[in-house]
Amino acid sequence: MAIGRKEVEHIATLARLSLGEEEKARLEKDLNAILGYVEKLSALDTKGVEPTSHTLEITNAFREDVLKPFEKGEKILGNAPAKRETFFQVPPIAEDVSST
């Protein structure tokens, strides 16, 4: 399936893009190249190939989450314009609509 100028303009409209004629021509060429590559991939026999979500065999690249006491909390809260107990106090950002 080839993409023509009309499809490029439709895609640009959906994406709310304003494209010049040169950009439309380049995008038409690029999209057709991508579709051609996808057609080549579709022709490959992938029976027996396990689906992958990552190219490397990584199960978990993160360290274990360890809870540690933070000793500078009071010093940091001392810089706050307002605090309540061990929390920063900030102005409300939403109205209380529960009474309406």
N, C-alpha and C. Protein backbone atom coordinates (compact mmCIF):
# COMPACT_ATOMS: atom_id res chain seq x y z
N MET A 1 0.85 -1.18 0.00
CA MET A 1 0.00 0.00 0.00
C MET A 1 0.90 1.24 0.00
N ALA A 2 0.70 2.09 -0.97
CA ALA A 2 1.48 3.31 -1.06
C ALA A 2 0.71 4.48 -0.45
N ILE A 3 1.46 5.40 0.10
CA ILE A 3 0.86 6.60 0.68
C ILE A 3 1.03 7.74 -0.30
N GLY A 4 -0.06 8.41 -0.59
CA GLY A 4 -0.02 9.53 -1.52
C GLY A 4 -0.11 10.85 -0.79
N ARG A 5 -0.12 11.92 -1.56
CA ARG A 5 -0.17 13.27 -0.99
C ARG A 5 -1.44 13.47 -0.16
N LYS A 6 -2.55 12.90 -0.61
CA LYS A 6 -3.82 13.07 0.10
C LYS A 6 -3.75 12.45 1.50
N GLU A 7 -3.14 11.25 1.60
CA GLU A 7 -3.00 10.60 2.91
C GLU A 7 -2.07 11.39 3.83
N VAL A 8 -1.00 11.93 3.26
CA VAL A 8 -0.07 12.74 4.05
C VAL A 8 -0.80 13.96 4.61
N GLU A 9 -1.60 14.62 3.78
CA GLU A 9 -2.34 15.79 4.24
C GLU A 9 -3.35 15.41 5.32
N HIS A 10 -3.98 14.23 5.16
CA HIS A 10 -4.94 13.77 6.17
C HIS A 10 -4.24 13.49 7.50
N ILE A 11 -3.10 12.82 7.44
CA ILE A 11 -2.33 12.54 8.66
C ILE A 11 -1.90 13.85 9.32
N ALA A 12 -1.45 14.81 8.52
CA ALA A 12 -1.04 16.11 9.06
C ALA A 12 -2.21 16.81 9.74
N THR A 13 -3.39 16.70 9.15
CA THR A 13 -4.58 17.32 9.75
C THR A 13 -4.90 16.66 11.08
N LEU A 14 -4.85 15.33 11.12
CA LEU A 14 -5.13 14.62 12.37
C LEU A 14 -4.13 14.98 13.46
N ALA A 15 -2.88 15.19 13.06
CA ALA A 15 -1.83 15.53 14.02
C ALA A 15 -1.76 17.03 14.27
N ARG A 16 -2.64 17.77 13.63
CA ARG A 16 -2.68 19.24 13.75
C ARG A 16 -1.35 19.87 13.37
N LEU A 17 -0.81 19.39 12.24
CA LEU A 17 0.46 19.91 11.73
C LEU A 17 0.21 20.76 10.49
N SER A 18 0.94 21.82 10.39
CA SER A 18 0.89 22.66 9.20
C SER A 18 2.18 22.39 8.43
N LEU A 19 2.04 21.73 7.28
CA LEU A 19 3.20 21.34 6.49
C LEU A 19 3.24 22.11 5.19
N GLY A 20 4.44 22.49 4.80
CA GLY A 20 4.64 23.10 3.50
C GLY A 20 4.72 22.02 2.44
N GLU A 21 4.71 22.42 1.16
CA GLU A 21 4.75 21.45 0.06
C GLU A 21 6.01 20.60 0.09
N GLU A 22 7.14 21.21 0.42
CA GLU A 22 8.39 20.47 0.48
C GLU A 22 8.35 19.42 1.58
N GLU A 23 7.78 19.79 2.73
CA GLU A 23 7.67 18.85 3.86
C GLU A 23 6.72 17.71 3.51
N LYS A 24 5.62 18.02 2.83
CA LYS A 24 4.67 16.98 2.44
C LYS A 24 5.34 15.97 1.50
N ALA A 25 6.12 16.47 0.54
CA ALA A 25 6.80 15.58 -0.40
C ALA A 25 7.81 14.70 0.32
N ARG A 26 8.57 15.27 1.26
CA ARG A 26 9.56 14.51 2.01
C ARG A 26 8.87 13.47 2.90
N LEU A 27 7.77 13.86 3.55
CA LEU A 27 7.05 12.95 4.41
C LEU A 27 6.43 11.81 3.61
N GLU A 28 5.91 12.11 2.43
CA GLU A 28 5.35 11.07 1.56
C GLU A 28 6.43 10.04 1.21
N LYS A 29 7.61 10.52 0.86
CA LYS A 29 8.72 9.64 0.50
C LYS A 29 9.14 8.81 1.72
N ASP A 30 9.27 9.45 2.89
CA ASP A 30 9.71 8.75 4.10
C ASP A 30 8.70 7.69 4.54
N LEU A 31 7.41 8.03 4.52
CA LEU A 31 6.39 7.08 4.93
C LEU A 31 6.33 5.87 3.99
N ASN A 32 6.50 6.11 2.70
CA ASN A 32 6.52 5.00 1.75
C ASN A 32 7.75 4.12 1.96
N ALA A 33 8.88 4.71 2.32
CA ALA A 33 10.08 3.92 2.61
C ALA A 33 9.85 3.05 3.85
N ILE A 34 9.19 3.61 4.87
CA ILE A 34 8.90 2.85 6.08
C ILE A 34 7.96 1.69 5.76
N LEU A 35 6.91 1.96 4.98
CA LEU A 35 5.97 0.90 4.61
C LEU A 35 6.65 -0.19 3.78
N GLY A 36 7.59 0.21 2.92
CA GLY A 36 8.34 -0.77 2.15
C GLY A 36 9.17 -1.67 3.04
N TYR A 37 9.76 -1.08 4.06
CA TYR A 37 10.55 -1.86 5.01
C TYR A 37 9.66 -2.82 5.79
N VAL A 38 8.48 -2.36 6.20
CA VAL A 38 7.54 -3.22 6.92
C VAL A 38 7.10 -4.38 6.05
N GLU A 39 6.89 -4.14 4.76
CA GLU A 39 6.53 -5.23 3.85
C GLU A 39 7.64 -6.27 3.78
N LYS A 40 8.89 -5.83 3.76
CA LYS A 40 10.01 -6.77 3.76
C LYS A 40 10.00 -7.60 5.04
N LEU A 41 9.74 -6.96 6.16
CA LEU A 41 9.71 -7.68 7.44
C LEU A 41 8.55 -8.66 7.47
N SER A 42 7.42 -8.29 6.88
CA SER A 42 6.25 -9.17 6.87
C SER A 42 6.51 -10.44 6.06
N ALA A 43 7.43 -10.38 5.12
CA ALA A 43 7.73 -11.54 4.29
C ALA A 43 8.60 -12.56 5.01
N LEU A 44 9.18 -12.21 6.13
CA LEU A 44 10.06 -13.12 6.87
C LEU A 44 9.26 -14.19 7.58
N ASP A 45 9.82 -15.38 7.66
CA ASP A 45 9.20 -16.48 8.38
C ASP A 45 9.59 -16.36 9.86
N THR A 46 8.63 -16.07 10.69
CA THR A 46 8.92 -15.88 12.12
C THR A 46 8.33 -16.99 12.99
N LYS A 47 7.96 -18.12 12.36
CA LYS A 47 7.44 -19.25 13.14
C LYS A 47 8.53 -19.75 14.07
N GLY A 48 8.18 -19.97 15.31
CA GLY A 48 9.14 -20.47 16.27
C GLY A 48 10.00 -19.39 16.92
N VAL A 49 9.82 -18.15 16.54
CA VAL A 49 10.59 -17.05 17.14
C VAL A 49 9.77 -16.47 18.28
N GLU A 50 10.37 -16.49 19.47
CA GLU A 50 9.67 -15.96 20.65
C GLU A 50 9.54 -14.44 20.55
N PRO A 51 8.36 -13.90 20.87
CA PRO A 51 8.22 -12.44 20.90
C PRO A 51 9.09 -11.85 22.01
N THR A 52 9.64 -10.70 21.76
CA THR A 52 10.49 -10.04 22.76
C THR A 52 10.00 -8.63 23.01
N SER A 53 10.25 -8.16 24.20
CA SER A 53 9.94 -6.78 24.53
C SER A 53 11.22 -5.96 24.69
N HIS A 54 12.36 -6.67 24.69
CA HIS A 54 13.64 -6.01 24.87
C HIS A 54 14.69 -6.80 24.11
N THR A 55 15.66 -6.11 23.58
CA THR A 55 16.67 -6.79 22.78
C THR A 55 17.70 -7.54 23.62
N LEU A 56 17.85 -7.16 24.87
CA LEU A 56 18.83 -7.81 25.75
C LEU A 56 18.13 -8.68 26.78
N GLU A 57 18.83 -9.67 27.27
CA GLU A 57 18.29 -10.56 28.29
C GLU A 57 18.42 -9.93 29.68
N ILE A 58 17.66 -8.91 29.95
CA ILE A 58 17.71 -8.24 31.25
C ILE A 58 16.41 -8.51 31.98
N THR A 59 16.51 -9.02 33.20
CA THR A 59 15.29 -9.26 33.96
C THR A 59 14.97 -8.07 34.86
N ASN A 60 15.97 -7.54 35.56
CA ASN A 60 15.74 -6.39 36.42
C ASN A 60 17.07 -5.65 36.58
N ALA A 61 17.14 -4.46 36.07
CA ALA A 61 18.38 -3.69 36.12
C ALA A 61 18.42 -2.75 37.31
N PHE A 62 17.46 -2.86 38.21
CA PHE A 62 17.38 -1.94 39.33
C PHE A 62 17.90 -2.59 40.60
N ARG A 63 18.42 -1.77 41.48
CA ARG A 63 18.88 -2.28 42.76
C ARG A 63 17.68 -2.53 43.67
N GLU A 64 17.90 -3.26 44.71
CA GLU A 64 16.86 -3.52 45.69
C GLU A 64 16.51 -2.21 46.41
N ASP A 65 15.24 -1.96 46.63
CA ASP A 65 14.80 -0.75 47.31
C ASP A 65 15.00 -0.93 48.81
N VAL A 66 15.84 -0.08 49.41
CA VAL A 66 16.15 -0.20 50.82
C VAL A 66 15.72 1.07 51.53
N LEU A 67 14.97 0.93 52.61
CA LEU A 67 14.52 2.06 53.40
C LEU A 67 15.63 2.48 54.35
N LYS A 68 16.04 3.76 54.26
CA LYS A 68 17.08 4.28 55.14
C LYS A 68 16.58 5.57 55.79
N PRO A 69 16.95 5.82 57.02
CA PRO A 69 16.56 7.08 57.64
C PRO A 69 17.28 8.25 56.98
N PHE A 70 16.56 9.35 56.81
CA PHE A 70 17.14 10.55 56.19
C PHE A 70 17.44 11.53 57.31
N GLU A 71 18.69 11.85 57.50
CA GLU A 71 19.11 12.62 58.67
C GLU A 71 19.00 14.13 58.49
N LYS A 72 18.83 14.61 57.27
CA LYS A 72 18.82 16.06 57.04
C LYS A 72 17.41 16.61 56.84
N GLY A 73 16.41 15.83 57.23
CA GLY A 73 15.02 16.25 57.04
C GLY A 73 14.69 17.56 57.72
N GLU A 74 15.09 17.71 58.97
CA GLU A 74 14.81 18.94 59.71
C GLU A 74 15.49 20.15 59.08
N LYS A 75 16.72 19.94 58.61
CA LYS A 75 17.45 21.03 57.97
C LYS A 75 16.76 21.47 56.68
N ILE A 76 16.28 20.50 55.90
CA ILE A 76 15.58 20.82 54.66
C ILE A 76 14.26 21.50 54.96
N LEU A 77 13.51 20.97 55.94
CA LEU A 77 12.22 21.59 56.30
C LEU A 77 12.42 22.99 56.88
N GLY A 78 13.59 23.25 57.43
CA GLY A 78 13.88 24.58 57.95
C GLY A 78 13.89 25.64 56.86
N ASN A 79 14.11 25.26 55.62
CA ASN A 79 14.10 26.20 54.50
C ASN A 79 12.69 26.43 53.94
N ALA A 80 11.73 25.65 54.37
CA ALA A 80 10.38 25.75 53.82
C ALA A 80 9.67 26.97 54.39
N PRO A 81 8.88 27.67 53.56
CA PRO A 81 8.12 28.81 54.07
C PRO A 81 7.05 28.38 55.06
N ALA A 82 6.52 27.15 54.90
CA ALA A 82 5.52 26.63 55.83
C ALA A 82 5.68 25.12 55.91
N LYS A 83 5.50 24.58 57.12
CA LYS A 83 5.58 23.13 57.29
C LYS A 83 4.56 22.69 58.32
N ARG A 84 4.19 21.43 58.23
CA ARG A 84 3.29 20.82 59.21
C ARG A 84 3.90 19.48 59.57
N GLU A 85 4.28 19.33 60.80
CA GLU A 85 4.97 18.14 61.30
C GLU A 85 6.22 17.89 60.46
N THR A 86 6.27 16.79 59.73
CA THR A 86 7.46 16.50 58.93
C THR A 86 7.18 16.65 57.43
N PHE A 87 6.21 17.50 57.08
CA PHE A 87 5.82 17.68 55.69
C PHE A 87 5.89 19.15 55.29
N PHE A 88 6.13 19.39 54.00
CA PHE A 88 6.02 20.74 53.47
C PHE A 88 4.54 21.09 53.39
N GLN A 89 4.19 22.29 53.78
CA GLN A 89 2.80 22.73 53.67
C GLN A 89 2.71 23.66 52.46
N VAL A 90 1.82 23.32 51.56
CA VAL A 90 1.66 24.11 50.34
C VAL A 90 0.22 24.57 50.24
N PRO A 91 -0.03 25.65 49.48
CA PRO A 91 -1.41 26.10 49.32
C PRO A 91 -2.22 25.08 48.54
N PRO A 92 -3.53 25.01 48.81
CA PRO A 92 -4.37 24.05 48.08
C PRO A 92 -4.42 24.42 46.59
N ILE A 93 -4.52 23.39 45.76
CA ILE A 93 -4.59 23.64 44.32
C ILE A 93 -5.96 23.30 43.76
N ALA A 94 -6.83 22.73 44.58
CA ALA A 94 -8.18 22.38 44.13
C ALA A 94 -9.18 22.86 45.18
N GLU A 95 -10.34 23.22 44.72
CA GLU A 95 -11.39 23.65 45.64
C GLU A 95 -12.06 22.44 46.26
N ASP A 96 -12.56 22.60 47.46
CA ASP A 96 -13.33 21.55 48.11
C ASP A 96 -14.74 21.60 47.57
N VAL A 97 -15.11 20.62 46.76
CA VAL A 97 -16.44 20.61 46.15
C VAL A 97 -17.36 19.62 46.83
N SER A 98 -16.92 19.05 47.95
CA SER A 98 -17.73 18.05 48.63
C SER A 98 -18.97 18.65 49.27
N SER A 99 -18.96 19.97 49.55
CA SER A 99 -20.11 20.59 50.21
C SER A 99 -21.17 21.05 49.21
N THR A 100 -20.91 20.94 47.93
CA THR A 100 -21.91 21.39 46.93
C THR A 100 -22.82 20.28 46.51
